[in-house]
């Protein structure tokens, strides 16, 4: 699935937990640039860090 969304942007609301978090990670692994919208800053940042780690 890697590269399937290269050059695409995904906007995910509720991206700090649950299904939203899983969606963010899946889009990131598939090559999309992901915008994470969430009410909790620290959990949203944690999700973004998980994307960064999964791409290494």
N, C-alpha and C. Protein backbone atom coordinates (compact mmCIF):
# COMPACT_ATOMS: atom_id res chain seq x y z
N UNK A 1 0.81 -1.19 0.00
CA UNK A 1 0.00 0.00 0.00
C UNK A 1 0.86 1.25 0.00
N UNK A 2 2.12 1.15 0.31
CA UNK A 2 2.99 2.32 0.36
C UNK A 2 3.05 2.98 -1.01
N UNK A 3 2.92 4.30 -1.02
CA UNK A 3 3.00 5.05 -2.25
C UNK A 3 1.68 5.25 -2.96
N UNK A 4 0.64 4.60 -2.49
CA UNK A 4 -0.66 4.69 -3.11
C UNK A 4 -1.22 6.11 -3.09
N UNK A 5 -0.84 6.89 -2.06
CA UNK A 5 -1.35 8.26 -1.92
C UNK A 5 -0.24 9.30 -2.05
N UNK A 6 0.85 8.96 -2.71
CA UNK A 6 1.93 9.93 -2.93
C UNK A 6 1.37 11.16 -3.64
N UNK A 7 1.73 12.33 -3.13
CA UNK A 7 1.28 13.57 -3.74
C UNK A 7 -0.12 13.99 -3.33
N UNK A 8 -0.76 13.24 -2.47
CA UNK A 8 -2.11 13.55 -2.02
C UNK A 8 -2.07 14.11 -0.60
N UNK A 9 -3.11 14.83 -0.22
CA UNK A 9 -3.25 15.37 1.13
C UNK A 9 -4.53 14.81 1.73
N UNK A 10 -4.43 14.29 2.95
CA UNK A 10 -5.60 13.79 3.67
C UNK A 10 -5.82 14.66 4.90
N UNK A 11 -7.06 15.08 5.11
CA UNK A 11 -7.44 15.84 6.30
C UNK A 11 -8.28 14.91 7.16
N UNK A 12 -7.80 14.66 8.38
CA UNK A 12 -8.49 13.73 9.27
C UNK A 12 -8.91 14.47 10.53
N UNK A 13 -10.22 14.50 10.80
CA UNK A 13 -10.71 15.09 12.03
C UNK A 13 -10.77 13.99 13.09
N UNK A 14 -10.56 14.37 14.32
CA UNK A 14 -10.55 13.38 15.40
C UNK A 14 -9.33 12.49 15.32
N UNK A 15 -8.23 13.04 14.84
CA UNK A 15 -7.04 12.24 14.58
C UNK A 15 -6.17 11.94 15.78
N UNK A 16 -6.60 12.31 16.97
CA UNK A 16 -5.74 12.08 18.14
C UNK A 16 -6.00 10.75 18.83
N UNK A 17 -7.11 10.07 18.48
CA UNK A 17 -7.39 8.79 19.14
C UNK A 17 -8.32 7.93 18.30
N UNK A 18 -8.40 6.69 18.66
CA UNK A 18 -9.35 5.76 18.07
C UNK A 18 -9.21 5.57 16.57
N UNK A 19 -10.36 5.55 15.90
CA UNK A 19 -10.39 5.33 14.46
C UNK A 19 -9.67 6.44 13.71
N UNK A 20 -9.82 7.68 14.19
CA UNK A 20 -9.14 8.81 13.54
C UNK A 20 -7.63 8.64 13.57
N UNK A 21 -7.10 8.21 14.71
CA UNK A 21 -5.65 7.98 14.85
C UNK A 21 -5.20 6.88 13.90
N UNK A 22 -5.96 5.79 13.84
CA UNK A 22 -5.61 4.70 12.93
C UNK A 22 -5.65 5.15 11.48
N UNK A 23 -6.61 6.01 11.16
CA UNK A 23 -6.73 6.54 9.81
C UNK A 23 -5.54 7.42 9.44
N UNK A 24 -5.14 8.27 10.39
CA UNK A 24 -3.97 9.12 10.17
C UNK A 24 -2.74 8.28 9.88
N UNK A 25 -2.51 7.27 10.68
CA UNK A 25 -1.33 6.41 10.50
C UNK A 25 -1.39 5.68 9.16
N UNK A 26 -2.58 5.18 8.80
CA UNK A 26 -2.72 4.47 7.52
C UNK A 26 -2.44 5.38 6.33
N UNK A 27 -3.00 6.60 6.35
CA UNK A 27 -2.73 7.54 5.26
C UNK A 27 -1.25 7.90 5.21
N UNK A 28 -0.63 8.10 6.36
CA UNK A 28 0.79 8.42 6.40
C UNK A 28 1.64 7.32 5.80
N UNK A 29 1.34 6.09 6.16
CA UNK A 29 2.08 4.94 5.62
C UNK A 29 1.87 4.79 4.12
N UNK A 30 0.69 5.22 3.63
CA UNK A 30 0.38 5.11 2.21
C UNK A 30 0.97 6.25 1.40
N UNK A 31 1.68 7.18 2.06
CA UNK A 31 2.38 8.23 1.34
C UNK A 31 1.72 9.59 1.32
N UNK A 32 0.55 9.73 1.94
CA UNK A 32 -0.15 11.02 1.93
C UNK A 32 0.47 11.99 2.93
N UNK A 33 0.36 13.25 2.62
CA UNK A 33 0.64 14.29 3.61
C UNK A 33 -0.65 14.42 4.42
N UNK A 34 -0.54 14.37 5.74
CA UNK A 34 -1.74 14.30 6.57
C UNK A 34 -1.89 15.53 7.45
N UNK A 35 -3.09 16.11 7.43
CA UNK A 35 -3.45 17.19 8.33
C UNK A 35 -4.27 16.55 9.45
N UNK A 36 -3.78 16.68 10.69
CA UNK A 36 -4.45 16.08 11.83
C UNK A 36 -5.20 17.17 12.58
N UNK A 37 -6.52 17.03 12.65
CA UNK A 37 -7.35 17.96 13.40
C UNK A 37 -7.83 17.24 14.66
N UNK A 38 -7.57 17.86 15.81
CA UNK A 38 -7.97 17.24 17.07
C UNK A 38 -8.13 18.31 18.14
N UNK A 39 -8.90 18.00 19.17
CA UNK A 39 -9.10 18.95 20.26
C UNK A 39 -7.97 18.88 21.27
N UNK A 40 -7.30 17.75 21.36
CA UNK A 40 -6.23 17.57 22.36
C UNK A 40 -4.87 17.66 21.66
N UNK A 41 -4.17 18.77 21.93
CA UNK A 41 -2.89 19.02 21.26
C UNK A 41 -1.86 17.93 21.50
N UNK A 42 -1.66 17.54 22.75
CA UNK A 42 -0.58 16.59 23.05
C UNK A 42 -0.83 15.24 22.40
N UNK A 43 -2.09 14.77 22.38
CA UNK A 43 -2.39 13.50 21.74
C UNK A 43 -2.24 13.61 20.22
N UNK A 44 -2.60 14.75 19.66
CA UNK A 44 -2.41 14.97 18.23
C UNK A 44 -0.95 14.96 17.85
N UNK A 45 -0.12 15.58 18.65
CA UNK A 45 1.32 15.57 18.39
C UNK A 45 1.88 14.16 18.50
N UNK A 46 1.38 13.39 19.46
CA UNK A 46 1.82 12.00 19.60
C UNK A 46 1.49 11.19 18.34
N UNK A 47 0.31 11.43 17.79
CA UNK A 47 -0.09 10.75 16.56
C UNK A 47 0.84 11.12 15.41
N UNK A 48 1.15 12.40 15.29
CA UNK A 48 2.07 12.84 14.24
C UNK A 48 3.43 12.19 14.42
N UNK A 49 3.90 12.08 15.64
CA UNK A 49 5.19 11.42 15.89
C UNK A 49 5.14 9.95 15.50
N UNK A 50 4.00 9.29 15.68
CA UNK A 50 3.87 7.90 15.27
C UNK A 50 3.99 7.76 13.76
N UNK A 51 3.45 8.73 13.02
CA UNK A 51 3.59 8.70 11.57
C UNK A 51 5.06 8.81 11.20
N UNK A 52 5.75 9.78 11.81
CA UNK A 52 7.17 9.98 11.53
C UNK A 52 7.97 8.72 11.81
N UNK A 53 7.68 8.04 12.92
CA UNK A 53 8.41 6.82 13.28
C UNK A 53 8.09 5.68 12.34
N UNK A 54 6.85 5.61 11.85
CA UNK A 54 6.49 4.49 10.98
C UNK A 54 7.11 4.62 9.59
N UNK A 55 7.57 5.82 9.24
CA UNK A 55 8.16 6.02 7.92
C UNK A 55 9.67 5.82 7.90
N UNK A 56 10.25 5.61 9.06
CA UNK A 56 11.72 5.44 9.12
C UNK A 56 12.09 4.06 8.65
